[in-house]
Amino acid sequence: MPKRQPKTTFSIIALILSVIVLLAIIYFIKLSFFWAWLLAWSVVTFGLYGYDKAQAKIGGGRVPEIVLHLSTLIGGWPGAWLGRFIFHHKTRKTPFLVTLIISTLLWIGLGYWYFFILN
């Protein structure tokens, strides 16, 4: 069996964790799907940032940057902001800041459309 690429492995882990957290949030906290989605992906993204920072300190296997970018874009932007602040991680890399700003603006726009235009 060929060895799986880290980006595939971390993407699958992030997806599975986000589905578990999403279902738990919807079932136990009773948030709407929109807020549950953002919260679930934020928890997962924050965890990825924390794990990656810990691995960076010990020289271990890192989370691929594309996985961090995609988890931010898919809805984990609040977790990414928090991860940057708490862990002081990816604060010197311009692509991370650009992705984070674009993602934040996209989701604010999507939220505005969903809550004020659609409803």
PDB file of N, CA and C in Angstrom:
ATOM      1  N   MET A   1       0.851  -1.173   0.000  1.00  0.00           N
ATOM      2  CA  MET A   1       0.000   0.000   0.000  1.00  0.00           C
ATOM      3  C   MET A   1       0.901   1.242   0.000  1.00  0.00           C
ATOM      4  N   PRO A   2       0.682   2.155  -0.957  1.00  0.00           N
ATOM      5  CA  PRO A   2       1.524   3.351  -1.007  1.00  0.00           C
ATOM      6  C   PRO A   2       1.237   4.282   0.174  1.00  0.00           C
ATOM      7  N   LYS A   3       2.301   4.994   0.561  1.00  0.00           N
ATOM      8  CA  LYS A   3       2.163   5.915   1.686  1.00  0.00           C
ATOM      9  C   LYS A   3       1.326   7.123   1.266  1.00  0.00           C
ATOM     10  N   ARG A   4       0.412   7.532   2.142  1.00  0.00           N
ATOM     11  CA  ARG A   4      -0.473   8.659   1.873  1.00  0.00           C
ATOM     12  C   ARG A   4       0.267   9.976   2.083  1.00  0.00           C
ATOM     13  N   GLN A   5      -0.022  10.955   1.248  1.00  0.00           N
ATOM     14  CA  GLN A   5       0.570  12.283   1.366  1.00  0.00           C
ATOM     15  C   GLN A   5       0.062  12.968   2.634  1.00  0.00           C
ATOM     16  N   PRO A   6       0.915  13.760   3.310  1.00  0.00           N
ATOM     17  CA  PRO A   6       0.460  14.458   4.526  1.00  0.00           C
ATOM     18  C   PRO A   6      -0.752  15.356   4.285  1.00  0.00           C
ATOM     19  N   LYS A   7      -0.809  16.012   3.111  1.00  0.00           N
ATOM     20  CA  LYS A   7      -1.956  16.895   2.866  1.00  0.00           C
ATOM     21  C   LYS A   7      -3.248  16.095   2.782  1.00  0.00           C
ATOM     22  N   THR A   8      -3.181  14.886   2.242  1.00  0.00           N
ATOM     23  CA  THR A   8      -4.364  14.032   2.181  1.00  0.00           C
ATOM     24  C   THR A   8      -4.745  13.557   3.579  1.00  0.00           C
ATOM     25  N   THR A   9      -3.750  13.116   4.332  1.00  0.00           N
ATOM     26  CA  THR A   9      -4.005  12.614   5.684  1.00  0.00           C
ATOM     27  C   THR A   9      -4.618  13.694   6.565  1.00  0.00           C
ATOM     28  N   PHE A  10      -4.001  14.880   6.585  1.00  0.00           N
ATOM     29  CA  PHE A  10      -4.517  15.957   7.421  1.00  0.00           C
ATOM     30  C   PHE A  10      -5.871  16.469   6.923  1.00  0.00           C
ATOM     31  N   SER A  11      -6.091  16.448   5.625  1.00  0.00           N
ATOM     32  CA  SER A  11      -7.398  16.863   5.091  1.00  0.00           C
ATOM     33  C   SER A  11      -8.491  15.910   5.537  1.00  0.00           C
ATOM     34  N   ILE A  12      -8.212  14.615   5.487  1.00  0.00           N
ATOM     35  CA  ILE A  12      -9.200  13.622   5.924  1.00  0.00           C
ATOM     36  C   ILE A  12      -9.471  13.760   7.418  1.00  0.00           C
ATOM     37  N   ILE A  13      -8.413  13.927   8.201  1.00  0.00           N
ATOM     38  CA  ILE A  13      -8.586  14.110   9.651  1.00  0.00           C
ATOM     39  C   ILE A  13      -9.418  15.350   9.938  1.00  0.00           C
ATOM     40  N   ALA A  14      -9.102  16.470   9.265  1.00  0.00           N
ATOM     41  CA  ALA A  14      -9.846  17.719   9.470  1.00  0.00           C
ATOM     42  C   ALA A  14     -11.310  17.545   9.091  1.00  0.00           C
ATOM     43  N   LEU A  15     -11.570  16.866   7.986  1.00  0.00           N
ATOM     44  CA  LEU A  15     -12.942  16.664   7.539  1.00  0.00           C
ATOM     45  C   LEU A  15     -13.732  15.802   8.522  1.00  0.00           C
ATOM     46  N   ILE A  16     -13.140  14.713   8.963  1.00  0.00           N
ATOM     47  CA  ILE A  16     -13.819  13.831   9.919  1.00  0.00           C
ATOM     48  C   ILE A  16     -14.094  14.564  11.235  1.00  0.00           C
ATOM     49  N   LEU A  17     -13.086  15.265  11.749  1.00  0.00           N
ATOM     50  CA  LEU A  17     -13.280  16.010  12.999  1.00  0.00           C
ATOM     51  C   LEU A  17     -14.339  17.093  12.855  1.00  0.00           C
ATOM     52  N   SER A  18     -14.336  17.789  11.729  1.00  0.00           N
ATOM     53  CA  SER A  18     -15.322  18.861  11.548  1.00  0.00           C
ATOM     54  C   SER A  18     -16.743  18.303  11.490  1.00  0.00           C
ATOM     55  N   VAL A  19     -16.927  17.162  10.862  1.00  0.00           N
ATOM     56  CA  VAL A  19     -18.265  16.550  10.804  1.00  0.00           C
ATOM     57  C   VAL A  19     -18.708  16.137  12.205  1.00  0.00           C
ATOM     58  N   ILE A  20     -17.808  15.537  12.976  1.00  0.00           N
ATOM     59  CA  ILE A  20     -18.145  15.131  14.347  1.00  0.00           C
ATOM     60  C   ILE A  20     -18.507  16.343  15.195  1.00  0.00           C
ATOM     61  N   VAL A  21     -17.669  17.387  15.122  1.00  0.00           N
ATOM     62  CA  VAL A  21     -17.938  18.597  15.910  1.00  0.00           C
ATOM     63  C   VAL A  21     -19.219  19.268  15.432  1.00  0.00           C
ATOM     64  N   LEU A  22     -19.429  19.326  14.122  1.00  0.00           N
ATOM     65  CA  LEU A  22     -20.637  19.939  13.563  1.00  0.00           C
ATOM     66  C   LEU A  22     -21.892  19.238  14.071  1.00  0.00           C
ATOM     67  N   LEU A  23     -21.904  17.917  14.002  1.00  0.00           N
ATOM     68  CA  LEU A  23     -23.073  17.171  14.473  1.00  0.00           C
ATOM     69  C   LEU A  23     -23.287  17.337  15.972  1.00  0.00           C
ATOM     70  N   ALA A  24     -22.198  17.374  16.737  1.00  0.00           N
ATOM     71  CA  ALA A  24     -22.318  17.579  18.182  1.00  0.00           C
ATOM     72  C   ALA A  24     -22.886  18.958  18.494  1.00  0.00           C
ATOM     73  N   ILE A  25     -22.430  19.967  17.773  1.00  0.00           N
ATOM     74  CA  ILE A  25     -22.921  21.333  17.994  1.00  0.00           C
ATOM     75  C   ILE A  25     -24.408  21.420  17.662  1.00  0.00           C
ATOM     76  N   ILE A  26     -24.791  20.863  16.538  1.00  0.00           N
ATOM     77  CA  ILE A  26     -26.199  20.917  16.135  1.00  0.00           C
ATOM     78  C   ILE A  26     -27.067  20.147  17.133  1.00  0.00           C
ATOM     79  N   TYR A  27     -26.607  18.987  17.577  1.00  0.00           N
ATOM     80  CA  TYR A  27     -27.405  18.152  18.471  1.00  0.00           C
ATOM     81  C   TYR A  27     -27.465  18.714  19.892  1.00  0.00           C
ATOM     82  N   PHE A  28     -26.316  19.104  20.454  1.00  0.00           N
ATOM     83  CA  PHE A  28     -26.278  19.508  21.854  1.00  0.00           C
ATOM     84  C   PHE A  28     -26.534  21.001  22.067  1.00  0.00           C
ATOM     85  N   ILE A  29     -26.020  21.838  21.194  1.00  0.00           N
ATOM     86  CA  ILE A  29     -26.143  23.285  21.407  1.00  0.00           C
ATOM     87  C   ILE A  29     -27.323  23.869  20.630  1.00  0.00           C
ATOM     88  N   LYS A  30     -27.762  23.149  19.615  1.00  0.00           N
ATOM     89  CA  LYS A  30     -28.924  23.550  18.810  1.00  0.00           C
ATOM     90  C   LYS A  30     -28.692  24.861  18.041  1.00  0.00           C
ATOM     91  N   LEU A  31     -27.483  25.060  17.553  1.00  0.00           N
ATOM     92  CA  LEU A  31     -27.212  26.230  16.713  1.00  0.00           C
ATOM     93  C   LEU A  31     -27.703  25.960  15.301  1.00  0.00           C
ATOM     94  N   SER A  32     -27.966  27.035  14.564  1.00  0.00           N
ATOM     95  CA  SER A  32     -28.323  26.863  13.154  1.00  0.00           C
ATOM     96  C   SER A  32     -27.126  26.297  12.413  1.00  0.00           C
ATOM     97  N   PHE A  33     -27.377  25.744  11.249  1.00  0.00           N
ATOM     98  CA  PHE A  33     -26.315  25.108  10.481  1.00  0.00           C
ATOM     99  C   PHE A  33     -25.194  26.089  10.165  1.00  0.00           C
ATOM    100  N   PHE A  34     -25.533  27.317   9.812  1.00  0.00           N
ATOM    101  CA  PHE A  34     -24.525  28.331   9.470  1.00  0.00           C
ATOM    102  C   PHE A  34     -23.553  28.537  10.624  1.00  0.00           C
ATOM    103  N   TRP A  35     -24.083  28.801  11.822  1.00  0.00           N
ATOM    104  CA  TRP A  35     -23.223  29.050  12.983  1.00  0.00           C
ATOM    105  C   TRP A  35     -22.497  27.787  13.432  1.00  0.00           C
ATOM    106  N   ALA A  36     -23.167  26.656  13.332  1.00  0.00           N
ATOM    107  CA  ALA A  36     -22.534  25.391  13.705  1.00  0.00           C
ATOM    108  C   ALA A  36     -21.362  25.085  12.770  1.00  0.00           C
ATOM    109  N   TRP A  37     -21.550  25.357  11.467  1.00  0.00           N
ATOM    110  CA  TRP A  37     -20.482  25.144  10.487  1.00  0.00           C
ATOM    111  C   TRP A  37     -19.259  26.002  10.835  1.00  0.00           C
ATOM    112  N   LEU A  38     -19.489  27.283  11.071  1.00  0.00           N
ATOM    113  CA  LEU A  38     -18.375  28.180  11.413  1.00  0.00           C
ATOM    114  C   LEU A  38     -17.681  27.750  12.701  1.00  0.00           C
ATOM    115  N   LEU A  39     -18.459  27.385  13.690  1.00  0.00           N
ATOM    116  CA  LEU A  39     -17.881  26.975  14.962  1.00  0.00           C
ATOM    117  C   LEU A  39     -17.097  25.665  14.829  1.00  0.00           C
ATOM    118  N   ALA A  40     -17.663  24.705  14.108  1.00  0.00           N
ATOM    119  CA  ALA A  40     -16.983  23.412  13.929  1.00  0.00           C
ATOM    120  C   ALA A  40     -15.660  23.586  13.204  1.00  0.00           C
ATOM    121  N   TRP A  41     -15.670  24.307  12.099  1.00  0.00           N
ATOM    122  CA  TRP A  41     -14.430  24.501  11.352  1.00  0.00           C
ATOM    123  C   TRP A  41     -13.445  25.384  12.113  1.00  0.00           C
ATOM    124  N   SER A  42     -13.948  26.288  12.926  1.00  0.00           N
ATOM    125  CA  SER A  42     -13.058  27.111  13.748  1.00  0.00           C
ATOM    126  C   SER A  42     -12.338  26.275  14.796  1.00  0.00           C
ATOM    127  N   VAL A  43     -13.059  25.353  15.422  1.00  0.00           N
ATOM    128  CA  VAL A  43     -12.452  24.455  16.414  1.00  0.00           C
ATOM    129  C   VAL A  43     -11.375  23.605  15.748  1.00  0.00           C
ATOM    130  N   VAL A  44     -11.692  23.041  14.593  1.00  0.00           N
ATOM    131  CA  VAL A  44     -10.733  22.195  13.880  1.00  0.00           C
ATOM    132  C   VAL A  44      -9.522  23.016  13.421  1.00  0.00           C
ATOM    133  N   THR A  45      -9.753  24.188  12.861  1.00  0.00           N
ATOM    134  CA  THR A  45      -8.654  25.029  12.387  1.00  0.00           C
ATOM    135  C   THR A  45      -7.766  25.473  13.538  1.00  0.00           C
ATOM    136  N   PHE A  46      -8.375  25.863  14.639  1.00  0.00           N
ATOM    137  CA  PHE A  46      -7.602  26.238  15.831  1.00  0.00           C
ATOM    138  C   PHE A  46      -6.737  25.063  16.279  1.00  0.00           C
ATOM    139  N   GLY A  47      -7.311  23.869  16.284  1.00  0.00           N
ATOM    140  CA  GLY A  47      -6.552  22.675  16.647  1.00  0.00           C
ATOM    141  C   GLY A  47      -5.402  22.410  15.691  1.00  0.00           C
ATOM    142  N   LEU A  48      -5.636  22.599  14.391  1.00  0.00           N
ATOM    143  CA  LEU A  48      -4.568  22.408  13.406  1.00  0.00           C
ATOM    144  C   LEU A  48      -3.433  23.405  13.627  1.00  0.00           C
ATOM    145  N   TYR A  49      -3.776  24.656  13.913  1.00  0.00           N
ATOM    146  CA  TYR A  49      -2.749  25.670  14.182  1.00  0.00           C
ATOM    147  C   TYR A  49      -1.951  25.301  15.432  1.00  0.00           C
ATOM    148  N   GLY A  50      -2.638  24.867  16.466  1.00  0.00           N
ATOM    149  CA  GLY A  50      -1.957  24.472  17.704  1.00  0.00           C
ATOM    150  C   GLY A  50      -1.058  23.274  17.502  1.00  0.00           C
ATOM    151  N   TYR A  51      -1.556  22.275  16.787  1.00  0.00           N
ATOM    152  CA  TYR A  51      -0.760  21.077  16.509  1.00  0.00           C
ATOM    153  C   TYR A  51       0.471  21.437  15.674  1.00  0.00           C
ATOM    154  N   ASP A  52       0.257  22.258  14.649  1.00  0.00           N
ATOM    155  CA  ASP A  52       1.363  22.632  13.773  1.00  0.00           C
ATOM    156  C   ASP A  52       2.429  23.418  14.532  1.00  0.00           C
ATOM    157  N   LYS A  53       2.004  24.309  15.411  1.00  0.00           N
ATOM    158  CA  LYS A  53       2.968  25.069  16.215  1.00  0.00           C
ATOM    159  C   LYS A  53       3.754  24.144  17.142  1.00  0.00           C
ATOM    160  N   ALA A  54       3.069  23.203  17.771  1.00  0.00           N
ATOM    161  CA  ALA A  54       3.755  22.253  18.656  1.00  0.00           C
ATOM    162  C   ALA A  54       4.759  21.419  17.866  1.00  0.00           C
ATOM    163  N   GLN A  55       4.363  20.991  16.673  1.00  0.00           N
ATOM    164  CA  GLN A  55       5.268  20.209  15.836  1.00  0.00           C
ATOM    165  C   GLN A  55       6.449  21.053  15.359  1.00  0.00           C
ATOM    166  N   ALA A  56       6.214  22.315  15.100  1.00  0.00           N
ATOM    167  CA  ALA A  56       7.299  23.201  14.677  1.00  0.00           C
ATOM    168  C   ALA A  56       8.345  23.338  15.780  1.00  0.00           C
ATOM    169  N   LYS A  57       7.892  23.374  17.011  1.00  0.00           N
ATOM    170  CA  LYS A  57       8.814  23.516  18.147  1.00  0.00           C
ATOM    171  C   LYS A  57       9.692  22.288  18.348  1.00  0.00           C
ATOM    172  N   ILE A  58       9.134  21.093  18.068  1.00  0.00           N
ATOM    173  CA  ILE A  58       9.901  19.866  18.310  1.00  0.00           C
ATOM    174  C   ILE A  58      10.489  19.269  17.033  1.00  0.00           C
ATOM    175  N   GLY A  59      10.224  19.910  15.896  1.00  0.00           N
ATOM    176  CA  GLY A  59      10.758  19.410  14.634  1.00  0.00           C
ATOM    177  C   GLY A  59      10.035  18.196  14.105  1.00  0.00           C
ATOM    178  N   GLY A  60       8.766  18.056  14.443  1.00  0.00           N
ATOM    179  CA  GLY A  60       7.968  16.906  14.006  1.00  0.00           C
ATOM    180  C   GLY A  60       7.279  17.151  12.682  1.00  0.00           C
ATOM    181  N   GLY A  61       6.426  16.221  12.308  1.00  0.00           N
ATOM    182  CA  GLY A  61       5.673  16.324  11.061  1.00  0.00           C
ATOM    183  C   GLY A  61       4.671  17.462  11.114  1.00  0.00           C
ATOM    184  N   ARG A  62       4.750  18.341  10.148  1.00  0.00           N
ATOM    185  CA  ARG A  62       3.934  19.550  10.141  1.00  0.00           C
ATOM    186  C   ARG A  62       2.640  19.375   9.350  1.00  0.00           C
ATOM    187  N   VAL A  63       1.677  20.227   9.647  1.00  0.00           N
ATOM    188  CA  VAL A  63       0.439  20.286   8.873  1.00  0.00           C
ATOM    189  C   VAL A  63       0.771  21.051   7.586  1.00  0.00           C
ATOM    190  N   PRO A  64       0.467  20.482   6.422  1.00  0.00           N
ATOM    191  CA  PRO A  64       0.757  21.195   5.170  1.00  0.00           C
ATOM    192  C   PRO A  64       0.024  22.544   5.121  1.00  0.00           C
ATOM    193  N   GLU A  65       0.708  23.538   4.558  1.00  0.00           N
ATOM    194  CA  GLU A  65       0.126  24.881   4.501  1.00  0.00           C
ATOM    195  C   GLU A  65      -1.189  24.912   3.750  1.00  0.00           C
ATOM    196  N   ILE A  66      -1.318  24.095   2.698  1.00  0.00           N
ATOM    197  CA  ILE A  66      -2.565  24.081   1.933  1.00  0.00           C
ATOM    198  C   ILE A  66      -3.739  23.642   2.800  1.00  0.00           C
ATOM    199  N   VAL A  67      -3.499  22.748   3.739  1.00  0.00           N
ATOM    200  CA  VAL A  67      -4.569  22.287   4.631  1.00  0.00           C
ATOM    201  C   VAL A  67      -4.978  23.430   5.563  1.00  0.00           C
ATOM    202  N   LEU A  68      -4.000  24.174   6.067  1.00  0.00           N
ATOM    203  CA  LEU A  68      -4.320  25.324   6.922  1.00  0.00           C
ATOM    204  C   LEU A  68      -5.091  26.382   6.137  1.00  0.00           C
ATOM    205  N   HIS A  69      -4.664  26.639   4.900  1.00  0.00           N
ATOM    206  CA  HIS A  69      -5.371  27.630   4.064  1.00  0.00           C
ATOM    207  C   HIS A  69      -6.806  27.181   3.771  1.00  0.00           C
ATOM    208  N   LEU A  70      -6.964  25.918   3.376  1.00  0.00           N
ATOM    209  CA  LEU A  70      -8.305  25.428   3.033  1.00  0.00           C
ATOM    210  C   LEU A  70      -9.234  25.391   4.237  1.00  0.00           C
ATOM    211  N   SER A  71      -8.709  25.014   5.396  1.00  0.00           N
ATOM    212  CA  SER A  71      -9.564  24.986   6.582  1.00  0.00           C
ATOM    213  C   SER A  71      -9.981  26.396   6.980  1.00  0.00           C
ATOM    214  N   THR A  72      -9.129  27.364   6.703  1.00  0.00           N
ATOM    215  CA  THR A  72      -9.483  28.766   6.951  1.00  0.00           C
ATOM    216  C   THR A  72     -10.568  29.214   5.981  1.00  0.00           C
ATOM    217  N   LEU A  73     -10.383  28.910   4.705  1.00  0.00           N
ATOM    218  CA  LEU A  73     -11.336  29.340   3.679  1.00  0.00           C
ATOM    219  C   LEU A  73     -12.691  28.654   3.792  1.00  0.00           C
ATOM    220  N   ILE A  74     -12.704  27.411   4.255  1.00  0.00           N
ATOM    221  CA  ILE A  74     -13.953  26.656   4.303  1.00  0.00           C
ATOM    222  C   ILE A  74     -14.838  27.067   5.487  1.00  0.00           C
ATOM    223  N   GLY A  75     -14.308  27.913   6.351  1.00  0.00           N
ATOM    224  CA  GLY A  75     -15.130  28.405   7.463  1.00  0.00           C
ATOM    225  C   GLY A  75     -14.393  28.529   8.773  1.00  0.00           C
ATOM    226  N   GLY A  76     -13.129  28.139   8.813  1.00  0.00           N
ATOM    227  CA  GLY A  76     -12.387  28.167  10.066  1.00  0.00           C
ATOM    228  C   GLY A  76     -11.638  29.449  10.339  1.00  0.00           C
ATOM    229  N   TRP A  77     -12.049  30.525   9.686  1.00  0.00           N
ATOM    230  CA  TRP A  77     -11.317  31.791   9.845  1.00  0.00           C
ATOM    231  C   TRP A  77     -11.310  32.306  11.287  1.00  0.00           C
ATOM    232  N   PRO A  78     -12.387  32.183  12.083  1.00  0.00           N
ATOM    233  CA  PRO A  78     -12.259  32.636  13.477  1.00  0.00           C
ATOM    234  C   PRO A  78     -11.216  31.814  14.257  1.00  0.00           C
ATOM    235  N   GLY A  79     -11.167  30.522  14.003  1.00  0.00           N
ATOM    236  CA  GLY A  79     -10.172  29.672  14.653  1.00  0.00           C
ATOM    237  C   GLY A  79      -8.761  29.997  14.206  1.00  0.00           C
ATOM    238  N   ALA A  80      -8.610  30.382  12.946  1.00  0.00           N
ATOM    239  CA  ALA A  80      -7.294  30.770  12.432  1.00  0.00           C
ATOM    240  C   ALA A  80      -6.819  32.070  13.084  1.00  0.00           C
ATOM    241  N   TRP A  81      -7.723  33.051  13.196  1.00  0.00           N
ATOM    242  CA  TRP A  81      -7.356  34.302  13.884  1.00  0.00           C
ATOM    243  C   TRP A  81      -6.948  34.001  15.322  1.00  0.00           C
ATOM    244  N   LEU A  82      -7.735  33.175  15.999  1.00  0.00           N
ATOM    245  CA  LEU A  82      -7.440  32.831  17.386  1.00  0.00           C
ATOM    246  C   LEU A  82      -6.131  32.046  17.494  1.00  0.00           C
ATOM    247  N   GLY A  83      -5.904  31.126  16.560  1.00  0.00           N
ATOM    248  CA  GLY A  83      -4.666  30.358  16.544  1.00  0.00           C
ATOM    249  C   GLY A  83      -3.440  31.232  16.336  1.00  0.00           C
ATOM    250  N   ARG A  84      -3.569  32.218  15.455  1.00  0.00           N
ATOM    251  CA  ARG A  84      -2.454  33.163  15.248  1.00  0.00           C
ATOM    252  C   ARG A  84      -2.182  33.942  16.530  1.00  0.00           C
ATOM    253  N   PHE A  85      -3.237  34.343  17.199  1.00  0.00           N
ATOM    254  CA  PHE A  85      -3.093  35.162  18.402  1.00  0.00           C
ATOM    255  C   PHE A  85      -2.574  34.347  19.592  1.00  0.00           C
ATOM    256  N   ILE A  86      -3.177  33.201  19.847  1.00  0.00           N
ATOM    257  CA  ILE A  86      -2.819  32.385  21.013  1.00  0.00           C
ATOM    258  C   ILE A  86      -1.449  31.727  20.848  1.00  0.00           C
ATOM    259  N   PHE A  87      -1.226  31.105  19.674  1.00  0.00           N
ATOM    260  CA  PHE A  87       0.000  30.344  19.465  1.00  0.00           C
ATOM    261  C   PHE A  87       1.123  31.172  18.823  1.00  0.00           C
ATOM    262  N   HIS A  88       0.807  32.393  18.412  1.00  0.00           N
ATOM    263  CA  HIS A  88       1.765  33.231  17.669  1.00  0.00           C
ATOM    264  C   HIS A  88       2.318  32.444  16.485  1.00  0.00           C
ATOM    265  N   HIS A  89       1.394  31.825  15.759  1.00  0.00           N
ATOM    266  CA  HIS A  89       1.779  30.927  14.677  1.00  0.00           C
ATOM    267  C   HIS A  89       1.375  31.512  13.334  1.00  0.00           C
ATOM    268  N   LYS A  90       2.282  31.412  12.387  1.00  0.00           N
ATOM    269  CA  LYS A  90       2.074  31.893  11.017  1.00  0.00           C
ATOM    270  C   LYS A  90       1.841  33.399  10.980  1.00  0.00           C
ATOM    271  N   THR A  91       2.437  34.127  11.903  1.00  0.00           N
ATOM    272  CA  THR A  91       2.237  35.579  11.954  1.00  0.00           C
ATOM    273  C   THR A  91       3.188  36.329  11.027  1.00  0.00           C
ATOM    274  N   ARG A  92       4.245  35.701  10.578  1.00  0.00           N
ATOM    275  CA  ARG A  92       5.214  36.370   9.701  1.00  0.00           C
ATOM    276  C   ARG A  92       5.046  36.002   8.238  1.00  0.00           C
ATOM    277  N   LYS A  93       4.124  35.125   7.953  1.00  0.00           N
ATOM    278  CA  LYS A  93       3.926  34.671   6.576  1.00  0.00           C
ATOM    279  C   LYS A  93       2.766  35.435   5.944  1.00  0.00           C
ATOM    280  N   THR A  94       3.102  36.252   4.965  1.00  0.00           N
ATOM    281  CA  THR A  94       2.108  37.092   4.294  1.00  0.00           C
ATOM    282  C   THR A  94       0.976  36.286   3.661  1.00  0.00           C
ATOM    283  N   PRO A  95       1.253  35.147   2.989  1.00  0.00           N
ATOM    284  CA  PRO A  95       0.128  34.399   2.399  1.00  0.00           C
ATOM    285  C   PRO A  95      -0.936  33.985   3.419  1.00  0.00           C
ATOM    286  N   PHE A  96      -0.525  33.716   4.643  1.00  0.00           N
ATOM    287  CA  PHE A  96      -1.501  33.344   5.667  1.00  0.00           C
ATOM    288  C   PHE A  96      -2.375  34.528   6.047  1.00  0.00           C
ATOM    289  N   LEU A  97      -1.781  35.692   6.164  1.00  0.00           N
ATOM    290  CA  LEU A  97      -2.562  36.880   6.489  1.00  0.00           C
ATOM    291  C   LEU A  97      -3.514  37.221   5.344  1.00  0.00           C
ATOM    292  N   VAL A  98      -3.045  37.132   4.110  1.00  0.00           N
ATOM    293  CA  VAL A  98      -3.887  37.431   2.947  1.00  0.00           C
ATOM    294  C   VAL A  98      -5.062  36.448   2.875  1.00  0.00           C
ATOM    295  N   THR A  99      -4.763  35.151   3.032  1.00  0.00           N
ATOM    296  CA  THR A  99      -5.824  34.139   3.019  1.00  0.00           C
ATOM    297  C   THR A  99      -6.825  34.388   4.133  1.00  0.00           C
ATOM    298  N   LEU A 100      -6.324  34.764   5.290  1.00  0.00           N
ATOM    299  CA  LEU A 100      -7.187  35.013   6.439  1.00  0.00           C
ATOM    300  C   LEU A 100      -8.092  36.224   6.217  1.00  0.00           C
ATOM    301  N   ILE A 101      -7.538  37.285   5.680  1.00  0.00           N
ATOM    302  CA  ILE A 101      -8.344  38.489   5.404  1.00  0.00           C
ATOM    303  C   ILE A 101      -9.392  38.198   4.332  1.00  0.00           C
ATOM    304  N   ILE A 102      -8.986  37.546   3.243  1.00  0.00           N
ATOM    305  CA  ILE A 102      -9.933  37.209   2.178  1.00  0.00           C
ATOM    306  C   ILE A 102     -11.040  36.303   2.712  1.00  0.00           C
ATOM    307  N   SER A 103     -10.667  35.302   3.473  1.00  0.00           N
ATOM    308  CA  SER A 103     -11.642  34.377   4.042  1.00  0.00           C
ATOM    309  C   SER A 103     -12.616  35.087   4.972  1.00  0.00           C
ATOM    310  N   THR A 104     -12.081  35.954   5.819  1.00  0.00           N
ATOM    311  CA  THR A 104     -12.927  36.711   6.746  1.00  0.00           C
ATOM    312  C   THR A 104     -13.932  37.568   5.994  1.00  0.00           C
ATOM    313  N   LEU A 105     -13.474  38.281   4.982  1.00  0.00           N
ATOM    314  CA  LEU A 105     -14.370  39.135   4.198  1.00  0.00           C
ATOM    315  C   LEU A 105     -15.408  38.310   3.436  1.00  0.00           C
ATOM    316  N   LEU A 106     -14.975  37.188   2.880  1.00  0.00           N
ATOM    317  CA  LEU A 106     -15.918  36.305   2.179  1.00  0.00           C
ATOM    318  C   LEU A 106     -17.027  35.812   3.096  1.00  0.00           C
ATOM    319  N   TRP A 107     -16.646  35.364   4.292  1.00  0.00           N
ATOM    320  CA  TRP A 107     -17.645  34.819   5.218  1.00  0.00           C
ATOM    321  C   TRP A 107     -18.529  35.898   5.818  1.00  0.00           C
ATOM    322  N   ILE A 108     -17.993  37.087   6.016  1.00  0.00           N
ATOM    323  CA  ILE A 108     -18.841  38.198   6.472  1.00  0.00           C
ATOM    324  C   ILE A 108     -19.855  38.536   5.383  1.00  0.00           C
ATOM    325  N   GLY A 109     -19.393  38.554   4.137  1.00  0.00           N
ATOM    326  CA  GLY A 109     -20.306  38.797   3.014  1.00  0.00           C
ATOM    327  C   GLY A 109     -21.351  37.708   2.877  1.00  0.00           C
ATOM    328  N   LEU A 110     -20.933  36.465   3.033  1.00  0.00           N
ATOM    329  CA  LEU A 110     -21.865  35.339   2.962  1.00  0.00           C
ATOM    330  C   LEU A 110     -22.882  35.406   4.094  1.00  0.00           C
ATOM    331  N   GLY A 111     -22.425  35.743   5.290  1.00  0.00           N
ATOM    332  CA  GLY A 111     -23.330  35.883   6.429  1.00  0.00           C
ATOM    333  C   GLY A 111     -24.336  37.000   6.213  1.00  0.00           C
ATOM    334  N   TYR A 112     -23.859  38.118   5.675  1.00  0.00           N
ATOM    335  CA  TYR A 112     -24.762  39.237   5.380  1.00  0.00           C
ATOM    336  C   TYR A 112     -25.807  38.801   4.358  1.00  0.00           C
ATOM    337  N   TRP A 113     -25.380  38.151   3.289  1.00  0.00           N
ATOM    338  CA  TRP A 113     -26.302  37.694   2.276  1.00  0.00           C
ATOM    339  C   TRP A 113     -27.319  36.719   2.863  1.00  0.00           C
ATOM    340  N   TYR A 114     -26.848  35.763   3.660  1.00  0.00           N
ATOM    341  CA  TYR A 114     -27.720  34.738   4.217  1.00  0.00           C
ATOM    342  C   TYR A 114     -28.750  35.325   5.183  1.00  0.00           C
ATOM    343  N   PHE A 115     -28.308  36.199   6.076  1.00  0.00           N
ATOM    344  CA  PHE A 115     -29.207  36.691   7.122  1.00  0.00           C
ATOM    345  C   PHE A 115     -30.023  37.903   6.717  1.00  0.00           C
ATOM    346  N   PHE A 116     -29.526  38.738   5.815  1.00  0.00           N
ATOM    347  CA  PHE A 116     -30.237  39.981   5.506  1.00  0.00           C
ATOM    348  C   PHE A 116     -30.844  40.005   4.107  1.00  0.00           C
ATOM    349  N   ILE A 117     -30.293  39.308   3.171  1.00  0.00           N
ATOM    350  CA  ILE A 117     -30.814  39.317   1.814  1.00  0.00           C
ATOM    351  C   ILE A 117     -31.736  38.119   1.571  1.00  0.00           C
ATOM    352  N   LEU A 118     -31.249  36.948   1.941  1.00  0.00           N
ATOM    353  CA  LEU A 118     -31.989  35.706   1.688  1.00  0.00           C
ATOM    354  C   LEU A 118     -33.234  35.602   2.565  1.00  0.00           C
ATOM    355  N   ASN A 119     -33.129  36.017   3.807  1.00  0.00           N
ATOM    356  CA  ASN A 119     -34.258  35.879   4.729  1.00  0.00           C
ATOM    357  C   ASN A 119     -35.123  37.097   4.758  1.00  0.00           C
TER     358      ASN A 119
END
